[in-house]
Structures are given as C-alpha cells and as structure tokens.
Amino acid sequence: MKKRNLLNKYIAMIDRASQGYLDEALKKYELSSGTYPFILALYDNEGINQNALSEYVKVDKALSARAIKRLIELGYVEKIINSKDARAYKLYLTEKAKVVVPEVRKSLDAWLNIITNGLTEEEKETAECLLQNMYMNIKESKAKN
C-alpha cells in the first residue's frame, strides 16, 4: 500500500475512533460526536444565529439545523426571536447545557490524552502543526472551487 493511502487510512481510522469514543463517553447526556460541538460553540458564542453557528462549527446548514433541532428537543438549546428582526432567531444554551459543558470538555481531554499518550510535547506540537497545515490546504482547495 502506498504511503499516501496509509495516511488516508490512518486519518479515517482516527476519525472513526474519535467519534466512537466520544459517542460512548457522551451517551449519558444523550449527546454525540455530531452534537457536542454545537454546545461548545454556543457556550463561547451565545446569542448567535444558526448560520453563524454553522460557519463557526464548519458544517453545512442542513447538518446544523438537524443538530440544533435535536439539542432543542433535549432541552440543551433554546431559540429566541431576535428583537431587531422578528424573522430571525438567536440561539442560547439552557442551564442544563451549561452544566454539561465541563463534562464534555473532560471527555475531549481524556480522548486527547489517549491519542497523544507516549508523545513528547514537541511531537504533540508537530502533530498539531501538521494537522493545521492539512486543514488550511482543505480551506484553500475549497476557495479555489
């Protein structure tokens, strides 16, 4: 197998393992790898609209709409009509969600400790830099198309 294919393989394996770990760790809160990013984003950006949230989380609007709908059903998010534009809504976390945020962060920290176990600080920084460069390549590629 070519090295390039191995890189694709390992990236995909890490992604699937990450989703599985977080889905299991967050199951008791009825959250998943697809919903927790919205809670963390709203924690730092309360009152933003759904379009801005989609951009912040880096997902399409349809996925964002489904996740927000689910989080509203679970009592984690509430939609409030924008006082300046009755057609628009702002999104806010409920108290229930604010209590869960530290637990979500603990799960993320635990996962990071698992995947970086045995790496030196320098290796962790190198890995972060390489992944950041790969992500920038994706953004540049999308901008060209």
Protein backbone atom coordinates (compact mmCIF):
# COMPACT_ATOMS: atom_id res chain seq x y z
CA MET A 1 0.00 0.00 0.00
CA LYS A 2 1.34 3.41 -0.91
CA LYS A 3 2.29 5.83 1.87
CA ARG A 4 -0.33 8.31 0.67
CA ASN A 5 -3.01 5.65 1.02
CA LEU A 6 -1.73 4.81 4.51
CA LEU A 7 -2.09 8.45 5.51
CA ASN A 8 -5.71 8.45 4.28
CA LYS A 9 -6.30 5.20 6.12
CA TYR A 10 -4.91 6.46 9.44
CA ILE A 11 -6.77 9.77 9.22
CA ALA A 12 -10.03 7.87 8.63
CA MET A 13 -9.29 5.38 11.43
CA ILE A 14 -8.55 8.15 13.92
CA ASP A 15 -11.72 9.99 12.91
CA ARG A 16 -13.90 6.90 13.36
CA ALA A 17 -12.24 6.03 16.68
CA SER A 18 -12.72 9.59 17.90
CA GLN A 19 -16.40 9.57 17.01
CA GLY A 20 -16.89 6.19 18.67
CA TYR A 21 -15.10 7.22 21.86
CA LEU A 22 -16.99 10.50 22.19
CA ASP A 23 -20.34 8.93 21.31
CA GLU A 24 -19.84 6.43 24.13
CA ALA A 25 -18.48 8.98 26.62
CA LEU A 26 -21.34 11.43 25.99
CA LYS A 27 -24.14 8.86 25.72
CA LYS A 28 -25.32 9.51 29.31
CA TYR A 29 -26.07 13.12 28.29
CA GLU A 30 -27.75 11.97 25.04
CA LEU A 31 -25.05 13.85 23.13
CA SER A 32 -22.87 12.57 20.31
CA SER A 33 -19.84 13.49 18.27
CA GLY A 34 -22.29 15.27 15.96
CA THR A 35 -23.99 17.42 18.60
CA TYR A 36 -21.43 18.31 21.25
CA PRO A 37 -19.53 20.80 19.01
CA PHE A 38 -22.67 22.97 18.86
CA ILE A 39 -22.91 23.11 22.65
CA LEU A 40 -19.27 24.14 22.97
CA ALA A 41 -19.65 26.71 20.19
CA LEU A 42 -22.74 28.23 21.80
CA TYR A 43 -21.04 28.28 25.18
CA ASP A 44 -18.45 30.65 23.70
CA ASN A 45 -20.86 32.50 21.35
CA GLU A 46 -24.28 32.68 22.96
CA GLY A 47 -26.88 34.59 21.02
CA ILE A 48 -25.50 33.89 17.56
CA ASN A 49 -27.82 32.81 14.78
CA GLN A 50 -27.89 29.40 13.15
CA ASN A 51 -25.97 30.50 10.03
CA ALA A 52 -23.15 31.94 12.11
CA LEU A 53 -23.12 28.79 14.21
CA SER A 54 -22.82 26.64 11.07
CA GLU A 55 -19.83 28.68 9.95
CA TYR A 56 -18.23 28.53 13.39
CA VAL A 57 -18.58 24.74 13.65
CA LYS A 58 -17.58 24.34 9.97
CA VAL A 59 -20.62 22.31 8.88
CA ASP A 60 -23.32 22.84 6.29
CA LYS A 61 -26.60 24.49 7.23
CA ALA A 62 -28.65 21.30 6.91
CA LEU A 63 -26.46 19.41 9.38
CA SER A 64 -26.53 22.38 11.71
CA ALA A 65 -30.34 22.56 11.52
CA ARG A 66 -30.68 18.87 12.44
CA ALA A 67 -28.24 19.16 15.34
CA ILE A 68 -29.91 22.29 16.71
CA LYS A 69 -33.34 20.69 16.41
CA ARG A 70 -32.08 17.69 18.41
CA LEU A 71 -30.46 19.90 21.06
CA ILE A 72 -33.70 21.87 21.44
CA GLU A 73 -35.63 18.59 21.86
CA LEU A 74 -33.16 17.50 24.54
CA GLY A 75 -33.52 20.81 26.38
CA TYR A 76 -29.95 21.96 25.77
CA VAL A 77 -30.65 24.88 23.43
CA GLU A 78 -33.40 27.45 23.11
CA LYS A 79 -34.30 29.63 20.14
CA ILE A 80 -35.23 33.20 20.97
CA ILE A 81 -36.70 35.59 18.40
CA ASN A 82 -34.27 38.38 17.56
CA SER A 83 -35.72 41.62 18.93
CA LYS A 84 -34.25 43.53 15.97
CA ASP A 85 -35.62 41.16 13.32
CA ALA A 86 -38.69 39.04 14.11
CA ARG A 87 -37.83 36.68 11.23
CA ALA A 88 -34.51 35.75 12.81
CA TYR A 89 -33.63 33.71 15.87
CA LYS A 90 -30.77 33.74 18.32
CA LEU A 91 -29.56 30.57 19.98
CA TYR A 92 -28.81 30.19 23.68
CA LEU A 93 -27.73 27.36 25.93
CA THR A 94 -30.05 26.31 28.73
CA GLU A 95 -28.79 25.81 32.27
CA LYS A 96 -28.91 22.06 31.58
CA ALA A 97 -26.37 22.53 28.78
CA LYS A 98 -24.12 24.81 30.82
CA VAL A 99 -23.82 22.10 33.47
CA VAL A 100 -22.78 19.54 30.83
CA VAL A 101 -20.04 21.67 29.20
CA PRO A 102 -17.33 20.77 31.77
CA GLU A 103 -18.16 17.07 31.32
CA VAL A 104 -17.88 17.38 27.55
CA ARG A 105 -14.52 19.09 27.93
CA LYS A 106 -13.34 16.33 30.29
CA SER A 107 -14.26 13.73 27.68
CA LEU A 108 -12.37 15.65 24.99
CA ASP A 109 -9.33 15.99 27.25
CA ALA A 110 -9.45 12.27 28.05
CA TRP A 111 -9.56 11.43 24.32
CA LEU A 112 -6.65 13.76 23.62
CA ASN A 113 -4.65 12.06 26.38
CA ILE A 114 -5.40 8.67 24.83
CA ILE A 115 -4.31 9.61 21.32
CA THR A 116 -1.22 11.53 22.41
CA ASN A 117 -0.07 9.02 25.02
CA GLY A 118 3.67 8.50 24.75
CA LEU A 119 4.26 11.58 22.60
CA THR A 120 6.64 14.28 23.76
CA GLU A 121 5.44 17.88 23.95
CA GLU A 122 7.47 18.59 20.82
CA GLU A 123 5.79 15.71 18.97
CA LYS A 124 2.37 16.96 20.06
CA GLU A 125 3.19 20.44 18.76
CA THR A 126 4.46 18.98 15.49
CA ALA A 127 1.31 16.89 15.08
CA GLU A 128 -0.87 19.93 15.74
CA CYS A 129 1.09 21.99 13.22
CA LEU A 130 0.85 19.29 10.55
CA LEU A 131 -2.90 18.84 11.07
CA GLN A 132 -3.39 22.60 10.96
CA ASN A 133 -1.48 22.76 7.67
CA MET A 134 -3.64 19.96 6.25
CA TYR A 135 -6.78 21.81 7.27
CA MET A 136 -5.50 25.02 5.64
CA ASN A 137 -4.93 23.03 2.44
CA ILE A 138 -8.58 21.97 2.55
CA LYS A 139 -9.73 25.57 3.00
CA GLU A 140 -7.55 26.77 0.13
CA SER A 141 -8.80 23.98 -2.12
CA LYS A 142 -12.43 24.88 -1.35
CA ALA A 143 -11.74 28.56 -2.03
CA LYS A 144 -10.41 27.71 -5.50
CA ASN A 145 -13.53 25.74 -6.44
